[in-house]
N, C-alpha and C. Protein backbone atom coordinates (compact mmCIF):
# COMPACT_ATOMS: atom_id res chain seq x y z
N MET A 1 -103.33 32.85 58.67
CA MET A 1 -102.77 32.76 57.31
C MET A 1 -103.34 31.70 56.58
N PRO A 2 -103.75 31.88 55.30
CA PRO A 2 -104.36 30.91 54.56
C PRO A 2 -103.42 29.87 54.13
N LYS A 3 -103.82 28.69 53.82
CA LYS A 3 -102.99 27.55 53.59
C LYS A 3 -102.80 27.30 52.08
N THR A 4 -103.34 28.12 51.23
CA THR A 4 -103.21 27.90 49.71
C THR A 4 -102.70 29.10 48.92
N CYS A 5 -102.07 28.86 47.92
CA CYS A 5 -101.57 30.01 46.94
C CYS A 5 -102.89 30.40 46.08
N ASP A 6 -103.00 31.79 46.07
CA ASP A 6 -104.02 32.38 45.35
C ASP A 6 -104.03 32.22 43.85
N ILE A 7 -102.69 31.91 43.39
CA ILE A 7 -102.53 31.80 41.82
C ILE A 7 -102.62 30.28 41.52
N CYS A 8 -101.92 29.51 41.90
CA CYS A 8 -101.88 28.04 41.60
C CYS A 8 -102.67 27.10 42.37
N GLY A 9 -103.09 27.48 43.56
CA GLY A 9 -103.88 26.70 44.43
C GLY A 9 -103.11 25.69 45.29
N LYS A 10 -101.69 25.75 45.27
CA LYS A 10 -100.90 24.90 45.95
C LYS A 10 -101.21 24.96 47.45
N GLY A 11 -101.42 23.79 48.07
CA GLY A 11 -101.73 23.80 49.41
C GLY A 11 -100.85 22.79 50.23
N PRO A 12 -101.21 22.49 51.40
CA PRO A 12 -100.52 21.54 52.37
C PRO A 12 -100.64 20.08 51.75
N VAL A 13 -99.51 19.39 51.93
CA VAL A 13 -99.44 17.82 51.59
C VAL A 13 -99.36 17.14 52.90
N PHE A 14 -100.05 16.14 53.09
CA PHE A 14 -100.09 15.29 54.17
C PHE A 14 -99.45 13.96 53.97
N GLY A 15 -98.74 13.37 55.04
CA GLY A 15 -98.07 12.17 54.91
C GLY A 15 -97.72 11.72 56.24
N HIS A 16 -96.61 10.88 56.27
CA HIS A 16 -96.16 10.39 57.55
C HIS A 16 -94.63 10.78 57.68
N SER A 17 -94.28 11.01 59.04
CA SER A 17 -92.84 11.28 59.27
C SER A 17 -92.42 9.75 59.86
N VAL A 18 -91.39 9.14 59.19
CA VAL A 18 -91.05 7.85 59.57
C VAL A 18 -89.62 7.85 60.43
N SER A 19 -89.84 7.43 61.59
CA SER A 19 -88.56 7.37 62.54
C SER A 19 -87.75 6.27 62.13
N HIS A 20 -86.47 6.31 62.85
CA HIS A 20 -85.56 5.25 62.58
C HIS A 20 -86.18 3.92 62.87
N SER A 21 -87.04 3.75 63.87
CA SER A 21 -87.58 2.45 64.10
C SER A 21 -88.77 2.12 63.26
N HIS A 22 -89.09 2.93 62.29
CA HIS A 22 -89.99 2.88 61.27
C HIS A 22 -91.36 3.06 61.81
N LYS A 23 -91.53 3.75 62.97
CA LYS A 23 -92.77 4.24 63.61
C LYS A 23 -93.26 5.47 62.89
N ALA A 24 -94.48 5.28 62.17
CA ALA A 24 -95.03 6.50 61.40
C ALA A 24 -95.94 7.26 62.23
N SER A 25 -95.74 8.65 62.11
CA SER A 25 -96.54 9.62 62.77
C SER A 25 -96.97 10.71 61.73
N PRO A 26 -98.12 11.12 61.80
CA PRO A 26 -98.53 12.11 60.87
C PRO A 26 -97.92 13.43 60.79
N LYS A 27 -97.74 13.88 59.46
CA LYS A 27 -96.88 15.12 59.30
C LYS A 27 -97.71 15.91 58.24
N LYS A 28 -97.28 17.28 58.25
CA LYS A 28 -97.94 18.18 57.17
C LYS A 28 -96.94 19.05 56.67
N TRP A 29 -96.85 19.06 55.27
CA TRP A 29 -95.76 19.94 54.56
C TRP A 29 -96.65 21.04 54.12
N ARG A 30 -96.09 22.28 54.53
CA ARG A 30 -96.92 23.44 54.05
C ARG A 30 -96.16 24.21 53.03
N PRO A 31 -96.80 24.89 52.01
CA PRO A 31 -96.02 25.55 51.10
C PRO A 31 -95.50 26.89 51.54
N ASN A 32 -94.49 27.43 50.86
CA ASN A 32 -93.82 28.60 51.22
C ASN A 32 -94.74 29.78 50.61
N LEU A 33 -95.51 30.36 51.53
CA LEU A 33 -96.35 31.33 50.99
C LEU A 33 -95.93 32.69 51.38
N GLN A 34 -95.98 33.66 50.48
CA GLN A 34 -95.55 35.11 50.85
C GLN A 34 -96.67 36.07 50.66
N HIS A 35 -96.91 36.94 51.37
CA HIS A 35 -98.02 37.97 51.35
C HIS A 35 -97.46 39.13 50.48
N VAL A 36 -98.02 39.30 49.09
CA VAL A 36 -97.36 40.21 48.08
C VAL A 36 -98.41 41.07 47.70
N ARG A 37 -98.07 42.26 47.49
CA ARG A 37 -99.02 43.24 46.92
C ARG A 37 -98.84 43.16 45.42
N ALA A 38 -100.05 42.66 44.71
CA ALA A 38 -99.77 42.32 43.31
C ALA A 38 -101.01 43.03 42.41
N GLU A 39 -100.70 43.16 41.24
CA GLU A 39 -101.78 43.56 40.28
C GLU A 39 -102.71 42.47 39.93
N THR A 40 -104.15 42.84 40.21
CA THR A 40 -105.12 41.78 39.90
C THR A 40 -106.23 42.48 39.01
N SER A 41 -107.22 41.82 38.66
CA SER A 41 -108.14 42.40 37.80
C SER A 41 -109.06 43.58 38.40
N GLN A 42 -108.98 43.49 39.77
CA GLN A 42 -109.72 44.39 40.58
C GLN A 42 -108.80 45.52 41.10
N GLY A 43 -107.47 45.64 40.58
CA GLY A 43 -106.45 46.53 40.99
C GLY A 43 -105.51 45.72 41.88
N ALA A 44 -104.70 46.72 42.59
CA ALA A 44 -103.69 46.22 43.41
C ALA A 44 -104.24 45.68 44.75
N LYS A 45 -103.87 44.40 44.93
CA LYS A 45 -104.35 43.81 46.29
C LYS A 45 -103.13 42.99 46.80
N LYS A 46 -103.29 42.74 48.16
CA LYS A 46 -102.31 41.93 48.79
C LYS A 46 -103.09 40.44 48.73
N ILE A 47 -102.11 39.54 48.11
CA ILE A 47 -102.51 38.16 48.08
C ILE A 47 -101.37 37.26 48.48
N TRP A 48 -101.93 35.93 48.88
CA TRP A 48 -100.90 35.07 49.26
C TRP A 48 -100.37 34.15 48.12
N VAL A 49 -99.14 34.18 47.85
CA VAL A 49 -98.66 33.61 46.64
C VAL A 49 -97.39 32.69 47.01
N CYS A 50 -97.22 31.53 46.41
CA CYS A 50 -96.14 30.61 46.78
C CYS A 50 -94.89 31.23 45.99
N THR A 51 -93.71 30.79 46.49
CA THR A 51 -92.50 31.39 45.87
C THR A 51 -92.25 30.72 44.60
N ARG A 52 -92.78 29.58 44.11
CA ARG A 52 -92.68 29.10 42.90
C ARG A 52 -93.38 29.96 41.71
N CYS A 53 -94.51 30.52 42.20
CA CYS A 53 -95.31 31.52 41.18
C CYS A 53 -94.43 32.80 41.16
N LEU A 54 -93.96 33.33 42.28
CA LEU A 54 -93.13 34.54 42.23
C LEU A 54 -91.87 34.38 41.31
N ARG A 55 -91.29 33.18 41.50
CA ARG A 55 -90.02 33.02 40.64
C ARG A 55 -90.27 32.98 39.18
N SER A 56 -91.42 32.37 38.79
CA SER A 56 -91.75 31.90 37.40
C SER A 56 -92.36 33.17 36.69
N GLY A 57 -92.68 34.09 37.48
CA GLY A 57 -93.24 35.40 36.90
C GLY A 57 -94.80 35.34 36.70
N LYS A 58 -95.46 34.52 37.24
CA LYS A 58 -96.91 34.43 37.11
C LYS A 58 -97.55 35.60 37.84
N VAL A 59 -96.76 36.29 38.80
CA VAL A 59 -97.37 37.39 39.52
C VAL A 59 -96.71 38.73 39.00
N ARG A 60 -97.56 39.77 38.82
CA ARG A 60 -97.02 41.11 38.65
C ARG A 60 -97.07 41.84 39.74
N LYS A 61 -95.94 42.17 40.45
CA LYS A 61 -96.09 43.01 41.68
C LYS A 61 -96.63 44.48 41.36
N ALA A 62 -97.23 45.02 42.31
CA ALA A 62 -97.77 46.42 42.13
C ALA A 62 -96.79 47.35 42.69
N PRO A 63 -96.64 48.57 42.05
CA PRO A 63 -95.79 49.51 42.51
C PRO A 63 -96.13 50.15 43.75
């Protein structure tokens, strides 16, 4: 599965998970990507889209 949205380019964000003792360990937050059949300039294709783009109407779903 790809790690970026095909519409807005949203990808994973890196940071640290901080425990109660304040020991930091690396962590990755991944976007909520959905595999959607959508209308594109080349016709209907399956693309990876984040849920923010789906909700805001940036993607037109193919019938």
